Amino acid sequence: AVVTLSTSDGTATAPGDYTAVVDAELVFSETIDTVCIDISITADQITEDTESFTAGLSTDDSSVTLSPQMASVDILDQDAVTITLSVTKQVVNESVGSVEVCAEVEKGGLETTVFVTLSSEDGTATAPEDYTAVNVLLSFNASNNVACTTIDIIDDSFVENDETFTVTLDSMGNNVVISNKTGTVTILDDDEVTIGFEPSSYIINETELSVQVCVKLLDGTLERAAVITLFTTDGSATGLFLA
């Protein structure tokens, strides 16, 4: 008995995913009850969903009943795509109000959607005082190789040191490899304070031998030390240099 076997595309297509078979003859006899045929599978480097095709049987022999007449073949994808932070060190002025953090496909192709998480972690900058914490899902597919999120920066009025926090990428599945998973965001402080003499003029009797002058924080808020140098300049009175 002669039976022919042919394949038909499903979500897997030939020749991209497998090599099609057309009318391959399978011959059975009194000594042959099993016939096998090899169908080549194409190994690519594209991250995709599980795909399938079918193999079907036909015969002109009326004495042969074909059952089951169709068989399905599922191709499990084992490729992985590499995703990385686009920039691992970013600097932003506090007054700008936000910073955009992006990740991108570094290696591999996509025919399906994959996901990674991007989260922030306090450093010397803390949420919610200095920035708004994030823990977001970023998606990538065949038409979208870059995904971004915006992190709000809090513009306060405090004079402070430049501060940092970190952002981290994490994989949501075995088909994603993370490269350069951690980045640093530095917030540059651009606030100001006003410091000056208070009062700004003094009258002192010569017999008192000394005068106390005071310097005061007149406007703004300090969250770090500010060093001020005081010096004297001769007028009609002259004297030794005071440091």
Protein backbone atom coordinates (compact mmCIF):
# COMPACT_ATOMS: atom_id res chain seq x y z
CA ALA A 1 0.00 0.00 0.00
CA VAL A 2 1.30 3.43 -0.90
CA VAL A 3 0.46 6.47 1.23
CA THR A 4 1.67 10.01 0.48
CA LEU A 5 2.60 12.54 3.15
CA SER A 6 2.56 16.32 2.73
CA THR A 7 2.97 19.18 5.20
CA SER A 8 0.83 22.30 5.54
CA ASP A 9 1.76 25.63 7.13
CA GLY A 10 0.17 26.74 10.33
CA THR A 11 1.72 29.43 12.51
CA ALA A 12 5.00 27.81 11.44
CA THR A 13 5.72 28.46 7.76
CA ALA A 14 8.10 26.91 5.27
CA PRO A 15 10.91 27.53 4.59
CA GLY A 16 11.40 29.99 7.44
CA ASP A 17 10.51 27.56 10.22
CA TYR A 18 10.74 24.11 8.61
CA THR A 19 11.32 22.39 5.27
CA ALA A 20 8.06 21.52 3.54
CA VAL A 21 7.38 17.96 2.42
CA VAL A 22 5.26 17.44 -0.71
CA ASP A 23 3.82 14.03 -1.66
CA ALA A 24 6.47 11.90 -0.02
CA GLU A 25 5.62 8.23 -0.73
CA LEU A 26 5.42 5.85 2.21
CA VAL A 27 5.28 2.17 1.19
CA PHE A 28 3.78 -0.48 3.48
CA SER A 29 3.86 -4.23 2.98
CA GLU A 30 3.49 -7.49 4.84
CA THR A 31 6.95 -6.90 6.33
CA ILE A 32 6.79 -3.12 6.78
CA ASP A 33 4.21 -1.72 9.17
CA THR A 34 5.96 1.49 10.18
CA VAL A 35 7.53 4.14 7.93
CA CYS A 36 9.11 7.32 9.28
CA ILE A 37 10.23 10.49 7.53
CA ASP A 38 12.49 13.30 8.77
CA ILE A 39 11.22 16.89 8.47
CA SER A 40 13.96 19.50 8.90
CA ILE A 41 13.34 22.27 11.45
CA THR A 42 15.00 25.66 10.88
CA ALA A 43 16.95 27.01 13.86
CA ASP A 44 16.81 30.81 13.81
CA GLN A 45 17.79 33.49 16.34
CA ILE A 46 14.38 35.09 16.60
CA THR A 47 12.45 35.06 19.86
CA GLU A 48 8.93 33.95 18.99
CA ASP A 49 5.92 32.05 20.26
CA THR A 50 5.53 28.28 19.92
CA GLU A 51 4.60 27.63 16.27
CA SER A 52 2.98 24.65 14.58
CA PHE A 53 2.44 22.98 11.23
CA THR A 54 0.58 19.83 10.19
CA ALA A 55 1.43 16.67 8.28
CA GLY A 56 -1.34 15.01 6.30
CA LEU A 57 -1.78 11.63 4.63
CA SER A 58 -3.51 10.74 1.37
CA THR A 59 -3.85 7.60 -0.75
CA ASP A 60 -5.46 6.35 -3.92
CA ASP A 61 -5.85 2.88 -2.46
CA SER A 62 -9.53 2.40 -1.66
CA SER A 63 -8.74 -0.44 0.66
CA VAL A 64 -6.76 1.85 2.99
CA THR A 65 -8.48 3.92 5.65
CA LEU A 66 -6.38 6.82 6.93
CA SER A 67 -7.05 7.47 10.60
CA PRO A 68 -5.83 9.65 12.10
CA GLN A 69 -5.14 11.39 8.83
CA MET A 70 -3.50 14.53 10.27
CA ALA A 71 -0.68 15.06 12.77
CA SER A 72 0.39 18.36 14.31
CA VAL A 73 3.97 19.40 15.03
CA ASP A 74 4.71 22.15 17.60
CA ILE A 75 8.07 23.94 17.38
CA LEU A 76 9.13 25.20 20.79
CA ASP A 77 11.20 28.40 20.63
CA GLN A 78 14.47 28.31 22.57
CA ASP A 79 15.92 31.63 21.46
CA ALA A 80 16.55 34.55 23.79
CA VAL A 81 16.74 38.27 23.19
CA THR A 82 19.21 40.51 25.05
CA ILE A 83 17.85 43.73 26.54
CA THR A 84 20.00 46.45 28.10
CA LEU A 85 19.67 49.88 29.66
CA SER A 86 20.26 52.46 26.93
CA VAL A 87 22.29 54.69 29.27
CA THR A 88 23.76 53.44 32.56
CA LYS A 89 24.73 56.86 33.96
CA GLN A 90 22.40 59.84 33.72
CA VAL A 91 22.64 63.32 35.21
CA VAL A 92 19.67 65.65 35.62
CA ASN A 93 19.22 69.09 37.17
CA GLU A 94 16.71 69.04 39.99
CA SER A 95 14.75 71.90 38.42
CA VAL A 96 14.16 69.95 35.17
CA GLY A 97 11.50 67.93 36.98
CA SER A 98 11.91 64.51 35.37
CA VAL A 99 14.32 62.06 33.74
CA GLU A 100 13.57 59.51 31.01
CA VAL A 101 15.08 56.05 31.48
CA CYS A 102 15.11 53.73 28.44
CA ALA A 103 15.92 50.09 27.71
CA GLU A 104 16.53 48.61 24.28
CA VAL A 105 17.01 45.33 22.44
CA GLU A 106 20.77 44.82 22.22
CA LYS A 107 20.87 41.44 20.50
CA GLY A 108 18.41 39.10 18.81
CA GLY A 109 15.16 39.48 16.91
CA LEU A 110 11.57 39.48 18.09
CA GLU A 111 8.44 38.02 16.56
CA THR A 112 6.58 37.99 19.86
CA THR A 113 6.17 40.37 22.81
CA VAL A 114 8.54 40.09 25.76
CA PHE A 115 8.53 42.00 29.02
CA VAL A 116 11.05 43.31 31.55
CA THR A 117 10.53 45.23 34.77
CA LEU A 118 12.28 48.50 35.56
CA SER A 119 12.41 49.53 39.20
CA SER A 120 14.13 52.26 41.20
CA GLU A 121 16.04 51.98 44.46
CA ASP A 122 17.09 54.70 46.89
CA GLY A 123 20.68 55.78 47.18
CA THR A 124 21.55 59.15 48.71
CA ALA A 125 18.40 60.34 46.92
CA THR A 126 15.28 58.94 48.56
CA ALA A 127 11.68 58.59 47.43
CA PRO A 128 9.35 60.39 47.69
CA GLU A 129 11.39 63.35 48.96
CA ASP A 130 13.82 63.53 46.02
CA TYR A 131 12.12 61.53 43.25
CA THR A 132 9.06 59.36 42.59
CA ALA A 133 9.81 55.64 42.88
CA VAL A 134 8.88 53.43 39.92
CA ASN A 135 8.27 49.73 39.32
CA VAL A 136 6.99 49.43 35.76
CA LEU A 137 6.61 46.84 33.02
CA LEU A 138 8.36 47.56 29.71
CA SER A 139 7.30 45.66 26.58
CA PHE A 140 9.23 44.91 23.38
CA ASN A 141 8.10 43.39 20.09
CA ALA A 142 8.94 43.26 16.40
CA SER A 143 8.04 46.94 15.88
CA ASN A 144 9.24 48.27 19.23
CA ASN A 145 12.91 47.74 20.13
CA VAL A 146 13.07 50.60 22.67
CA ALA A 147 10.88 51.20 25.73
CA CYS A 148 11.10 54.13 28.15
CA THR A 149 9.59 55.38 31.38
CA THR A 150 9.65 58.85 32.95
CA ILE A 151 10.72 59.31 36.57
CA ASP A 152 9.63 62.51 38.29
CA ILE A 153 12.32 64.52 40.08
CA ILE A 154 11.21 66.58 43.08
CA ASP A 155 12.31 70.22 42.82
CA ASP A 156 12.67 71.38 46.43
CA SER A 157 14.21 74.59 47.77
CA PHE A 158 16.91 72.95 49.89
CA VAL A 159 20.61 73.52 49.25
CA GLU A 160 22.01 70.00 49.46
CA ASN A 161 24.65 67.73 48.00
CA ASP A 162 24.10 66.10 44.60
CA GLU A 163 22.22 62.85 45.21
CA THR A 164 21.83 59.54 43.38
CA PHE A 165 19.41 56.64 43.00
CA THR A 166 19.60 53.47 40.90
CA VAL A 167 17.37 51.85 38.31
CA THR A 168 17.37 48.08 37.67
CA LEU A 169 16.08 45.85 34.87
CA ASP A 170 14.77 42.35 35.59
CA SER A 171 13.70 39.62 33.17
CA MET A 172 10.12 38.35 33.09
CA GLY A 173 10.96 35.04 31.38
CA ASN A 174 13.59 32.60 30.14
CA ASN A 175 13.52 34.15 26.66
CA VAL A 176 15.07 37.44 27.89
CA VAL A 177 18.69 38.00 28.93
CA ILE A 178 19.51 41.26 30.73
CA SER A 179 22.72 43.13 29.91
CA ASN A 180 23.79 46.24 31.88
CA LYS A 181 20.89 45.75 34.24
CA THR A 182 21.71 48.57 36.71
CA GLY A 183 22.04 52.29 36.05
CA THR A 184 22.62 55.39 38.18
CA VAL A 185 20.74 58.68 38.07
CA THR A 186 22.46 61.71 39.65
CA ILE A 187 20.30 64.67 40.70
CA LEU A 188 22.25 67.94 40.56
CA ASP A 189 21.14 70.45 43.18
CA ASP A 190 20.60 73.95 41.78
CA ASP A 191 19.02 75.68 44.79
CA GLU A 192 20.49 78.75 46.46
CA VAL A 193 20.52 80.38 49.87
CA THR A 194 21.27 83.95 50.90
CA ILE A 195 23.82 84.49 53.67
CA GLY A 196 24.90 87.91 54.84
CA PHE A 197 25.69 90.22 57.72
CA GLU A 198 22.86 90.76 60.16
CA PRO A 199 22.99 93.64 60.98
CA SER A 200 25.10 95.09 58.20
CA SER A 201 26.49 98.07 60.20
CA TYR A 202 27.97 98.36 63.69
CA ILE A 203 28.91 101.21 66.03
CA ILE A 204 31.38 100.44 68.78
CA ASN A 205 33.22 102.51 71.37
CA GLU A 206 36.97 102.34 71.08
CA THR A 207 37.28 101.41 74.75
CA GLU A 208 35.30 98.19 74.25
CA LEU A 209 38.36 96.67 72.49
CA SER A 210 36.33 94.33 70.22
CA VAL A 211 33.22 94.15 68.13
CA GLN A 212 31.13 91.06 67.45
CA VAL A 213 29.82 90.87 63.90
CA CYS A 214 27.20 88.28 62.94
CA VAL A 215 26.54 86.43 59.70
CA LYS A 216 23.09 84.92 59.21
CA LEU A 217 21.25 82.59 56.85
CA LEU A 218 18.77 85.14 55.52
CA ASP A 219 16.85 83.11 52.92
CA GLY A 220 16.53 79.45 51.91
CA THR A 221 17.19 76.13 53.63
CA LEU A 222 20.46 74.25 54.07
CA GLU A 223 20.76 70.47 54.15
CA ARG A 224 24.55 70.53 53.87
CA ALA A 225 27.34 72.63 55.33
CA ALA A 226 28.10 75.95 53.65
CA VAL A 227 31.48 77.57 54.40
CA ILE A 228 31.69 81.36 54.34
CA THR A 229 34.97 83.32 54.54
CA LEU A 230 34.90 86.58 56.52
CA PHE A 231 37.48 89.26 55.84
CA THR A 232 38.04 92.88 56.91
CA THR A 233 39.02 95.84 54.74
CA ASP A 234 40.54 99.08 55.99
CA GLY A 235 38.46 102.18 55.84
CA SER A 236 39.38 105.27 57.79
CA ALA A 237 40.26 102.77 60.52
CA THR A 238 43.31 100.62 59.87
CA GLY A 239 44.53 97.53 61.66
CA LEU A 240 45.94 94.04 61.61
CA PHE A 241 44.52 91.52 59.13
CA LEU A 242 41.79 89.40 60.71
CA ALA A 243 41.29 85.87 59.33
